[in-house]
PDB file of all heavy atoms in Angstrom:
ATOM      1  N   SER A   1       0.869  -1.159   0.024  1.00  0.00           N
ATOM      2  CA  SER A   1       0.015   0.002   0.014  1.00  0.00           C
ATOM      3  C   SER A   1       0.842   1.265  -0.009  1.00  0.00           C
ATOM      4  O   SER A   1       2.009   1.257   0.372  1.00  0.00           O
ATOM      5  CB  SER A   1      -0.959   0.024   1.229  1.00  0.00           C
ATOM      6  OG  SER A   1      -0.256   0.009   2.394  1.00  0.00           O
ATOM      7  N   ILE A   2       0.332   2.410  -0.464  1.00  0.00           N
ATOM      8  CA  ILE A   2       1.047   3.557  -0.501  1.00  0.00           C
ATOM      9  C   ILE A   2       1.449   4.055   0.876  1.00  0.00           C
ATOM     10  O   ILE A   2       0.579   3.980   1.759  1.00  0.00           O
ATOM     11  CB  ILE A   2       0.225   4.673  -1.302  1.00  0.00           C
ATOM     12  CG1 ILE A   2      -0.143   4.190  -2.705  1.00  0.00           C
ATOM     13  CG2 ILE A   2       0.935   5.947  -1.341  1.00  0.00           C
ATOM     14  CD1 ILE A   2       1.054   3.768  -3.537  1.00  0.00           C
ATOM     15  N   TRP A   3       2.543   4.646   1.058  1.00  0.00           N
ATOM     16  CA  TRP A   3       3.044   5.045   2.381  1.00  0.00           C
ATOM     17  C   TRP A   3       3.168   6.579   2.404  1.00  0.00           C
ATOM     18  O   TRP A   3       4.171   7.115   2.077  1.00  0.00           O
ATOM     19  CB  TRP A   3       4.367   4.381   2.608  1.00  0.00           C
ATOM     20  CG  TRP A   3       4.998   4.547   3.949  1.00  0.00           C
ATOM     21  CD1 TRP A   3       4.323   5.079   5.141  1.00  0.00           C
ATOM     22  CD2 TRP A   3       6.238   4.170   4.351  1.00  0.00           C
ATOM     23  NE1 TRP A   3       5.267   5.063   6.135  1.00  0.00           N
ATOM     24  CE2 TRP A   3       6.338   4.509   5.769  1.00  0.00           C
ATOM     25  CE3 TRP A   3       7.294   3.558   3.815  1.00  0.00           C
ATOM     26  CZ2 TRP A   3       7.542   4.214   6.508  1.00  0.00           C
ATOM     27  CZ3 TRP A   3       8.513   3.306   4.464  1.00  0.00           C
ATOM     28  CH2 TRP A   3       8.515   3.559   5.883  1.00  0.00           C
ATOM     29  N   PRO A   4       2.131   7.301   2.766  1.00  0.00           N
ATOM     30  CA  PRO A   4       2.232   8.741   2.962  1.00  0.00           C
ATOM     31  C   PRO A   4       3.033   9.135   4.138  1.00  0.00           C
ATOM     32  O   PRO A   4       2.987   8.419   5.177  1.00  0.00           O
ATOM     33  CB  PRO A   4       0.717   9.244   3.118  1.00  0.00           C
ATOM     34  CG  PRO A   4       0.019   8.001   3.501  1.00  0.00           C
ATOM     35  CD  PRO A   4       0.755   6.821   3.071  1.00  0.00           C
ATOM     36  N   MET A   5       3.775  10.177   4.032  1.00  0.00           N
ATOM     37  CA  MET A   5       4.776  10.625   5.077  1.00  0.00           C
ATOM     38  C   MET A   5       4.666  12.075   5.277  1.00  0.00           C
ATOM     39  O   MET A   5       4.384  12.844   4.299  1.00  0.00           O
ATOM     40  CB  MET A   5       6.193  10.190   4.710  1.00  0.00           C
ATOM     41  CG  MET A   5       6.400   8.724   4.509  1.00  0.00           C
ATOM     42  SD  MET A   5       8.132   8.470   3.981  1.00  0.00           S
ATOM     43  CE  MET A   5       7.781   6.937   3.105  1.00  0.00           C
ATOM     44  N   VAL A   6       5.036  12.521   6.537  1.00  0.00           N
ATOM     45  CA  VAL A   6       5.254  14.008   6.688  1.00  0.00           C
ATOM     46  C   VAL A   6       6.520  14.308   6.028  1.00  0.00           C
ATOM     47  O   VAL A   6       7.302  13.446   5.618  1.00  0.00           O
ATOM     48  CB  VAL A   6       5.290  14.316   8.247  1.00  0.00           C
ATOM     49  CG1 VAL A   6       3.990  14.111   8.908  1.00  0.00           C
ATOM     50  CG2 VAL A   6       6.468  13.600   8.908  1.00  0.00           C
ATOM     51  N   HIS A   7       6.782  15.619   5.837  1.00  0.00           N
ATOM     52  CA  HIS A   7       7.996  16.037   5.174  1.00  0.00           C
ATOM     53  C   HIS A   7       9.235  15.574   5.772  1.00  0.00           C
ATOM     54  O   HIS A   7      10.114  15.053   5.082  1.00  0.00           O
ATOM     55  CB  HIS A   7       8.002  17.506   4.948  1.00  0.00           C
ATOM     56  CG  HIS A   7       9.007  18.089   4.048  1.00  0.00           C
ATOM     57  ND1 HIS A   7      10.228  18.639   4.458  1.00  0.00           N
ATOM     58  CD2 HIS A   7       9.035  18.161   2.697  1.00  0.00           C
ATOM     59  CE1 HIS A   7      10.940  18.918   3.486  1.00  0.00           C
ATOM     60  NE2 HIS A   7      10.258  18.762   2.357  1.00  0.00           N
ATOM     61  N   SER A   8       9.390  15.730   7.084  1.00  0.00           N
ATOM     62  CA  SER A   8      10.601  15.354   7.785  1.00  0.00           C
ATOM     63  C   SER A   8      10.397  14.987   9.179  1.00  0.00           C
ATOM     64  O   SER A   8       9.729  15.745   9.993  1.00  0.00           O
ATOM     65  CB  SER A   8      11.564  16.523   7.734  1.00  0.00           C
ATOM     66  OG  SER A   8      12.657  16.380   8.603  1.00  0.00           O
ATOM     67  N   SER A   9      10.895  13.909   9.695  1.00  0.00           N
ATOM     68  CA  SER A   9      10.777  13.501  11.074  1.00  0.00           C
ATOM     69  C   SER A   9      11.571  14.524  11.917  1.00  0.00           C
ATOM     70  O   SER A   9      11.139  14.760  13.066  1.00  0.00           O
ATOM     71  CB  SER A   9      11.173  12.088  11.312  1.00  0.00           C
ATOM     72  OG  SER A   9      12.448  11.804  10.739  1.00  0.00           O
ATOM     73  N   GLU A  10      12.681  15.023  11.432  1.00  0.00           N
ATOM     74  CA  GLU A  10      13.415  16.018  12.196  1.00  0.00           C
ATOM     75  C   GLU A  10      12.609  17.275  12.417  1.00  0.00           C
ATOM     76  O   GLU A  10      12.632  17.840  13.496  1.00  0.00           O
ATOM     77  CB  GLU A  10      14.750  16.371  11.494  1.00  0.00           C
ATOM     78  CG  GLU A  10      15.848  15.356  11.724  1.00  0.00           C
ATOM     79  CD  GLU A  10      16.220  15.218  13.132  1.00  0.00           C
ATOM     80  OE1 GLU A  10      16.409  16.230  13.854  1.00  0.00           O
ATOM     81  OE2 GLU A  10      16.357  14.098  13.600  1.00  0.00           O
ATOM     82  N   TYR A  11      11.913  17.722  11.371  1.00  0.00           N
ATOM     83  CA  TYR A  11      11.000  18.838  11.533  1.00  0.00           C
ATOM     84  C   TYR A  11       9.954  18.607  12.588  1.00  0.00           C
ATOM     85  O   TYR A  11       9.733  19.484  13.359  1.00  0.00           O
ATOM     86  CB  TYR A  11      10.442  19.141  10.137  1.00  0.00           C
ATOM     87  CG  TYR A  11       9.326  20.225  10.235  1.00  0.00           C
ATOM     88  CD1 TYR A  11       9.743  21.620  10.389  1.00  0.00           C
ATOM     89  CD2 TYR A  11       8.011  19.978  10.133  1.00  0.00           C
ATOM     90  CE1 TYR A  11       8.769  22.610  10.423  1.00  0.00           C
ATOM     91  CE2 TYR A  11       7.055  20.991  10.212  1.00  0.00           C
ATOM     92  CZ  TYR A  11       7.474  22.283  10.359  1.00  0.00           C
ATOM     93  OH  TYR A  11       6.527  23.285  10.410  1.00  0.00           O
ATOM     94  N   MET A  12       9.366  17.399  12.663  1.00  0.00           N
ATOM     95  CA  MET A  12       8.353  17.185  13.594  1.00  0.00           C
ATOM     96  C   MET A  12       8.971  17.126  14.980  1.00  0.00           C
ATOM     97  O   MET A  12       8.356  17.653  15.937  1.00  0.00           O
ATOM     98  CB  MET A  12       7.756  15.714  13.329  1.00  0.00           C
ATOM     99  CG  MET A  12       6.996  15.622  11.991  1.00  0.00           C
ATOM    100  SD  MET A  12       5.610  16.800  11.933  1.00  0.00           S
ATOM    101  CE  MET A  12       4.404  16.047  12.902  1.00  0.00           C
ATOM    102  N   LYS A  13      10.221  16.646  15.136  1.00  0.00           N
ATOM    103  CA  LYS A  13      10.866  16.783  16.515  1.00  0.00           C
ATOM    104  C   LYS A  13      11.000  18.235  16.879  1.00  0.00           C
ATOM    105  O   LYS A  13      10.765  18.588  18.050  1.00  0.00           O
ATOM    106  CB  LYS A  13      12.221  16.138  16.432  1.00  0.00           C
ATOM    107  CG  LYS A  13      12.266  14.633  16.538  1.00  0.00           C
ATOM    108  CD  LYS A  13      13.668  14.100  16.616  1.00  0.00           C
ATOM    109  CE  LYS A  13      13.675  12.725  16.288  1.00  0.00           C
ATOM    110  NZ  LYS A  13      15.173  12.260  16.100  1.00  0.00           N
ATOM    111  N   GLN A  14      11.393  19.124  15.883  1.00  0.00           N
ATOM    112  CA  GLN A  14      11.634  20.533  16.268  1.00  0.00           C
ATOM    113  C   GLN A  14      10.284  21.144  16.662  1.00  0.00           C
ATOM    114  O   GLN A  14      10.348  22.139  17.479  1.00  0.00           O
ATOM    115  CB  GLN A  14      12.163  21.218  15.010  1.00  0.00           C
ATOM    116  CG  GLN A  14      13.485  20.896  14.658  1.00  0.00           C
ATOM    117  CD  GLN A  14      13.935  21.516  13.326  1.00  0.00           C
ATOM    118  OE1 GLN A  14      13.216  22.274  12.724  1.00  0.00           O
ATOM    119  NE2 GLN A  14      15.119  21.086  12.921  1.00  0.00           N
ATOM    120  N   LEU A  15       9.180  20.678  16.176  1.00  0.00           N
ATOM    121  CA  LEU A  15       7.847  21.200  16.578  1.00  0.00           C
ATOM    122  C   LEU A  15       7.349  20.624  17.909  1.00  0.00           C
ATOM    123  O   LEU A  15       6.359  21.066  18.463  1.00  0.00           O
ATOM    124  CB  LEU A  15       6.768  20.785  15.478  1.00  0.00           C
ATOM    125  CG  LEU A  15       6.818  21.486  14.175  1.00  0.00           C
ATOM    126  CD1 LEU A  15       5.646  20.957  13.357  1.00  0.00           C
ATOM    127  CD2 LEU A  15       6.644  23.000  14.378  1.00  0.00           C
ATOM    128  N   GLY A  16       8.089  19.692  18.481  1.00  0.00           N
ATOM    129  CA  GLY A  16       7.713  19.037  19.668  1.00  0.00           C
ATOM    130  C   GLY A  16       6.654  18.005  19.479  1.00  0.00           C
ATOM    131  O   GLY A  16       5.956  17.603  20.464  1.00  0.00           O
ATOM    132  N   ARG A  17       6.575  17.524  18.242  1.00  0.00           N
ATOM    133  CA  ARG A  17       5.614  16.411  17.931  1.00  0.00           C
ATOM    134  C   ARG A  17       6.397  15.279  17.196  1.00  0.00           C
ATOM    135  O   ARG A  17       6.117  15.022  16.007  1.00  0.00           O
ATOM    136  CB  ARG A  17       4.529  17.052  16.992  1.00  0.00           C
ATOM    137  CG  ARG A  17       3.699  18.134  17.573  1.00  0.00           C
ATOM    138  CD  ARG A  17       2.737  18.752  16.651  1.00  0.00           C
ATOM    139  NE  ARG A  17       1.761  17.817  16.135  1.00  0.00           N
ATOM    140  CZ  ARG A  17       0.936  18.139  15.143  1.00  0.00           C
ATOM    141  NH1 ARG A  17       0.797  19.366  14.724  1.00  0.00           N
ATOM    142  NH2 ARG A  17       0.037  17.249  14.769  1.00  0.00           N
ATOM    143  N   PRO A  18       7.285  14.619  17.919  1.00  0.00           N
ATOM    144  CA  PRO A  18       8.063  13.619  17.273  1.00  0.00           C
ATOM    145  C   PRO A  18       7.127  12.493  16.708  1.00  0.00           C
ATOM    146  O   PRO A  18       6.122  12.204  17.367  1.00  0.00           O
ATOM    147  CB  PRO A  18       8.982  13.129  18.403  1.00  0.00           C
ATOM    148  CG  PRO A  18       8.372  13.479  19.669  1.00  0.00           C
ATOM    149  CD  PRO A  18       7.543  14.789  19.369  1.00  0.00           C
ATOM    150  N   LEU A  19       7.575  11.832  15.690  1.00  0.00           N
ATOM    151  CA  LEU A  19       6.849  10.688  15.161  1.00  0.00           C
ATOM    152  C   LEU A  19       7.069   9.464  16.088  1.00  0.00           C
ATOM    153  O   LEU A  19       8.126   9.443  16.799  1.00  0.00           O
ATOM    154  CB  LEU A  19       7.386  10.359  13.694  1.00  0.00           C
ATOM    155  CG  LEU A  19       7.178  11.481  12.649  1.00  0.00           C
ATOM    156  CD1 LEU A  19       7.882  11.073  11.319  1.00  0.00           C
ATOM    157  CD2 LEU A  19       5.672  11.752  12.486  1.00  0.00           C
ATOM    158  N   PRO A  20       6.168   8.510  15.937  1.00  0.00           N
ATOM    159  CA  PRO A  20       6.378   7.242  16.761  1.00  0.00           C
ATOM    160  C   PRO A  20       7.718   6.568  16.340  1.00  0.00           C
ATOM    161  O   PRO A  20       8.242   6.738  15.294  1.00  0.00           O
ATOM    162  CB  PRO A  20       5.177   6.416  16.305  1.00  0.00           C
ATOM    163  CG  PRO A  20       4.200   7.373  15.734  1.00  0.00           C
ATOM    164  CD  PRO A  20       4.989   8.512  15.162  1.00  0.00           C
ATOM    165  N   GLU A  21       8.211   5.992  17.358  1.00  0.00           N
ATOM    166  CA  GLU A  21       9.503   5.173  17.215  1.00  0.00           C
ATOM    167  C   GLU A  21       9.529   4.411  15.882  1.00  0.00           C
ATOM    168  O   GLU A  21       8.581   3.570  15.658  1.00  0.00           O
ATOM    169  CB  GLU A  21       9.780   4.268  18.412  1.00  0.00           C
ATOM    170  CG  GLU A  21      10.972   3.486  18.383  1.00  0.00           C
ATOM    171  CD  GLU A  21      12.226   4.399  18.692  1.00  0.00           C
ATOM    172  OE1 GLU A  21      12.019   5.339  19.357  1.00  0.00           O
ATOM    173  OE2 GLU A  21      13.349   4.073  18.120  1.00  0.00           O
ATOM    174  N   GLY A  22      10.580   4.510  15.097  1.00  0.00           N
ATOM    175  CA  GLY A  22      10.687   3.791  13.788  1.00  0.00           C
ATOM    176  C   GLY A  22      10.024   4.445  12.584  1.00  0.00           C
ATOM    177  O   GLY A  22      10.257   3.972  11.543  1.00  0.00           O
ATOM    178  N   GLN A  23       9.152   5.389  12.779  1.00  0.00           N
ATOM    179  CA  GLN A  23       8.504   6.023  11.685  1.00  0.00           C
ATOM    180  C   GLN A  23       9.432   7.141  11.122  1.00  0.00           C
ATOM    181  O   GLN A  23       9.987   7.925  11.874  1.00  0.00           O
ATOM    182  CB  GLN A  23       7.136   6.631  12.102  1.00  0.00           C
ATOM    183  CG  GLN A  23       6.317   7.094  10.973  1.00  0.00           C
ATOM    184  CD  GLN A  23       4.887   7.522  11.395  1.00  0.00           C
ATOM    185  OE1 GLN A  23       4.536   7.256  12.510  1.00  0.00           O
ATOM    186  NE2 GLN A  23       4.175   8.098  10.495  1.00  0.00           N
ATOM    187  N   LEU A  24       9.493   7.220   9.795  1.00  0.00           N
ATOM    188  CA  LEU A  24      10.358   8.179   9.218  1.00  0.00           C
ATOM    189  C   LEU A  24       9.517   9.228   8.366  1.00  0.00           C
ATOM    190  O   LEU A  24       8.409   8.995   7.922  1.00  0.00           O
ATOM    191  CB  LEU A  24      11.281   7.604   8.183  1.00  0.00           C
ATOM    192  CG  LEU A  24      12.254   6.577   8.752  1.00  0.00           C
ATOM    193  CD1 LEU A  24      13.083   5.909   7.536  1.00  0.00           C
ATOM    194  CD2 LEU A  24      13.294   7.276   9.639  1.00  0.00           C
ATOM    195  N   GLY A  25      10.099  10.427   8.373  1.00  0.00           N
ATOM    196  CA  GLY A  25       9.534  11.380   7.380  1.00  0.00           C
ATOM    197  C   GLY A  25      10.080  11.173   6.041  1.00  0.00           C
ATOM    198  O   GLY A  25      10.980  10.349   5.768  1.00  0.00           O
ATOM    199  N   ALA A  26       9.572  11.867   4.985  1.00  0.00           N
ATOM    200  CA  ALA A  26       9.895  11.642   3.573  1.00  0.00           C
ATOM    201  C   ALA A  26      11.388  11.844   3.425  1.00  0.00           C
ATOM    202  O   ALA A  26      12.140  11.063   2.667  1.00  0.00           O
ATOM    203  CB  ALA A  26       9.111  12.552   2.696  1.00  0.00           C
ATOM    204  N   LYS A  27      11.920  12.966   3.901  1.00  0.00           N
ATOM    205  CA  LYS A  27      13.382  13.317   3.680  1.00  0.00           C
ATOM    206  C   LYS A  27      14.237  12.124   4.284  1.00  0.00           C
ATOM    207  O   LYS A  27      15.189  11.631   3.627  1.00  0.00           O
ATOM    208  CB  LYS A  27      13.693  14.568   4.389  1.00  0.00           C
ATOM    209  CG  LYS A  27      15.057  15.087   4.298  1.00  0.00           C
ATOM    210  CD  LYS A  27      15.266  16.407   5.026  1.00  0.00           C
ATOM    211  CE  LYS A  27      16.679  16.960   4.865  1.00  0.00           C
ATOM    212  NZ  LYS A  27      17.650  16.234   5.717  1.00  0.00           N
ATOM    213  N   GLU A  28      13.968  11.680   5.474  1.00  0.00           N
ATOM    214  CA  GLU A  28      14.733  10.686   6.069  1.00  0.00           C
ATOM    215  C   GLU A  28      14.620   9.290   5.445  1.00  0.00           C
ATOM    216  O   GLU A  28      15.434   8.479   5.347  1.00  0.00           O
ATOM    217  CB  GLU A  28      14.434  10.614   7.628  1.00  0.00           C
ATOM    218  CG  GLU A  28      14.857  11.862   8.311  1.00  0.00           C
ATOM    219  CD  GLU A  28      13.887  13.066   8.272  1.00  0.00           C
ATOM    220  OE1 GLU A  28      12.729  12.852   7.843  1.00  0.00           O
ATOM    221  OE2 GLU A  28      14.311  14.045   8.619  1.00  0.00           O
ATOM    222  N   TYR A  29      13.291   9.055   5.038  1.00  0.00           N
ATOM    223  CA  TYR A  29      13.085   7.770   4.254  1.00  0.00           C
ATOM    224  C   TYR A  29      14.028   7.762   3.019  1.00  0.00           C
ATOM    225  O   TYR A  29      14.659   6.657   2.787  1.00  0.00           O
ATOM    226  CB  TYR A  29      11.627   7.668   3.846  1.00  0.00           C
ATOM    227  CG  TYR A  29      11.329   6.571   2.845  1.00  0.00           C
ATOM    228  CD1 TYR A  29      11.439   5.233   3.223  1.00  0.00           C
ATOM    229  CD2 TYR A  29      11.152   6.906   1.528  1.00  0.00           C
ATOM    230  CE1 TYR A  29      11.165   4.304   2.376  1.00  0.00           C
ATOM    231  CE2 TYR A  29      10.942   5.888   0.564  1.00  0.00           C
ATOM    232  CZ  TYR A  29      10.922   4.614   1.011  1.00  0.00           C
ATOM    233  OH  TYR A  29      10.761   3.555   0.069  1.00  0.00           O
ATOM    234  N   CYS A  30      13.993   8.762   2.179  1.00  0.00           N
ATOM    235  CA  CYS A  30      14.779   8.756   0.982  1.00  0.00           C
ATOM    236  C   CYS A  30      16.253   8.630   1.316  1.00  0.00           C
ATOM    237  O   CYS A  30      16.963   7.804   0.766  1.00  0.00           O
ATOM    238  CB  CYS A  30      14.607  10.007   0.185  1.00  0.00           C
ATOM    239  SG  CYS A  30      13.009  10.119  -0.611  1.00  0.00           S
ATOM    240  N   GLU A  31      16.761   9.280   2.338  1.00  0.00           N
ATOM    241  CA  GLU A  31      18.144   9.186   2.858  1.00  0.00           C
ATOM    242  C   GLU A  31      18.445   7.733   3.234  1.00  0.00           C
ATOM    243  O   GLU A  31      19.601   7.231   2.973  1.00  0.00           O
ATOM    244  CB  GLU A  31      18.500  10.156   3.930  1.00  0.00           C
ATOM    245  CG  GLU A  31      18.479  11.589   3.504  1.00  0.00           C
ATOM    246  CD  GLU A  31      18.479  12.631   4.561  1.00  0.00           C
ATOM    247  OE1 GLU A  31      18.469  12.219   5.760  1.00  0.00           O
ATOM    248  OE2 GLU A  31      18.591  13.821   4.258  1.00  0.00           O
ATOM    249  N   SER A  32      17.494   7.053   3.851  1.00  0.00           N
ATOM    250  CA  SER A  32      17.735   5.696   4.424  1.00  0.00           C
ATOM    251  C   SER A  32      17.907   4.691   3.260  1.00  0.00           C
ATOM    252  O   SER A  32      18.412   3.664   3.531  1.00  0.00           O
ATOM    253  CB  SER A  32      16.517   5.275   5.291  1.00  0.00           C
ATOM    254  OG  SER A  32      15.452   4.896   4.565  1.00  0.00           O
ATOM    255  N   ILE A  33      17.469   5.039   2.042  1.00  0.00           N
ATOM    256  CA  ILE A  33      17.553   4.147   0.948  1.00  0.00           C
ATOM    257  C   ILE A  33      18.679   4.595   0.011  1.00  0.00           C
ATOM    258  O   ILE A  33      18.701   4.171  -1.130  1.00  0.00           O
ATOM    259  CB  ILE A  33      16.291   3.845   0.206  1.00  0.00           C
ATOM    260  CG1 ILE A  33      15.692   5.095  -0.327  1.00  0.00           C
ATOM    261  CG2 ILE A  33      15.274   3.065   1.141  1.00  0.00           C
ATOM    262  CD1 ILE A  33      14.499   4.791  -1.365  1.00  0.00           C
ATOM    263  N   GLY A  34      19.429   5.563   0.397  1.00  0.00           N
ATOM    264  CA  GLY A  34      20.574   6.100  -0.476  1.00  0.00           C
ATOM    265  C   GLY A  34      20.127   7.020  -1.499  1.00  0.00           C
ATOM    266  O   GLY A  34      20.701   7.137  -2.578  1.00  0.00           O
ATOM    267  N   ALA A  35      19.001   7.718  -1.306  1.00  0.00           N
ATOM    268  CA  ALA A  35      18.469   8.598  -2.247  1.00  0.00           C
ATOM    269  C   ALA A  35      18.129  10.003  -1.572  1.00  0.00           C
ATOM    270  O   ALA A  35      18.601  10.304  -0.515  1.00  0.00           O
ATOM    271  CB  ALA A  35      17.262   7.963  -2.966  1.00  0.00           C
ATOM    272  N   ARG A  36      17.314  10.848  -2.225  1.00  0.00           N
ATOM    273  CA  ARG A  36      16.963  12.081  -1.755  1.00  0.00           C
ATOM    274  C   ARG A  36      15.490  12.450  -2.282  1.00  0.00           C
ATOM    275  O   ARG A  36      15.124  11.975  -3.279  1.00  0.00           O
ATOM    276  CB  ARG A  36      17.965  13.117  -2.019  1.00  0.00           C
ATOM    277  CG  ARG A  36      18.065  13.416  -3.500  1.00  0.00           C
ATOM    278  CD  ARG A  36      19.107  14.570  -3.820  1.00  0.00           C
ATOM    279  NE  ARG A  36      19.444  14.660  -5.214  1.00  0.00           N
ATOM    280  CZ  ARG A  36      18.499  15.243  -6.109  1.00  0.00           C
ATOM    281  NH1 ARG A  36      17.431  15.722  -5.726  1.00  0.00           N
ATOM    282  NH2 ARG A  36      18.882  15.354  -7.394  1.00  0.00           N
ATOM    283  N   LEU A  37      14.899  13.463  -1.636  1.00  0.00           N
ATOM    284  CA  LEU A  37      13.680  13.980  -2.226  1.00  0.00           C
ATOM    285  C   LEU A  37      14.055  14.851  -3.475  1.00  0.00           C
ATOM    286  O   LEU A  37      15.015  15.551  -3.459  1.00  0.00           O
ATOM    287  CB  LEU A  37      12.979  14.898  -1.254  1.00  0.00           C
ATOM    288  CG  LEU A  37      12.166  14.220  -0.081  1.00  0.00           C
ATOM    289  CD1 LEU A  37      11.723  15.292   0.850  1.00  0.00           C
ATOM    290  CD2 LEU A  37      11.016  13.379  -0.626  1.00  0.00           C
ATOM    291  N   PRO A  38      13.280  14.769  -4.520  1.00  0.00           N
ATOM    292  CA  PRO A  38      13.511  15.673  -5.609  1.00  0.00           C
ATOM    293  C   PRO A  38      13.192  17.105  -5.331  1.00  0.00           C
ATOM    294  O   PRO A  38      12.286  17.391  -4.473  1.00  0.00           O
ATOM    295  CB  PRO A  38      12.532  15.156  -6.701  1.00  0.00           C
ATOM    296  CG  PRO A  38      11.532  14.277  -6.097  1.00  0.00           C
ATOM    297  CD  PRO A  38      12.128  13.880  -4.724  1.00  0.00           C
ATOM    298  N   SER A  39      13.920  18.035  -5.904  1.00  0.00           N
ATOM    299  CA  SER A  39      13.665  19.465  -5.774  1.00  0.00           C
ATOM    300  C   SER A  39      12.439  19.806  -6.598  1.00  0.00           C
ATOM    301  O   SER A  39      12.006  19.113  -7.495  1.00  0.00           O
ATOM    302  CB  SER A  39      14.928  20.313  -6.276  1.00  0.00           C
ATOM    303  OG  SER A  39      15.035  20.210  -7.697  1.00  0.00           O
TER     304      SER A  39
END
């Protein structure tokens, strides 16, 4: 199934709303697979 994500888990931490343990934001997800978000 499609996996929608927030823009960045780091951003969510900065807001004081961290994602659940193990959940990634889009930016971190792409980085975790050796890629990046497109500009």
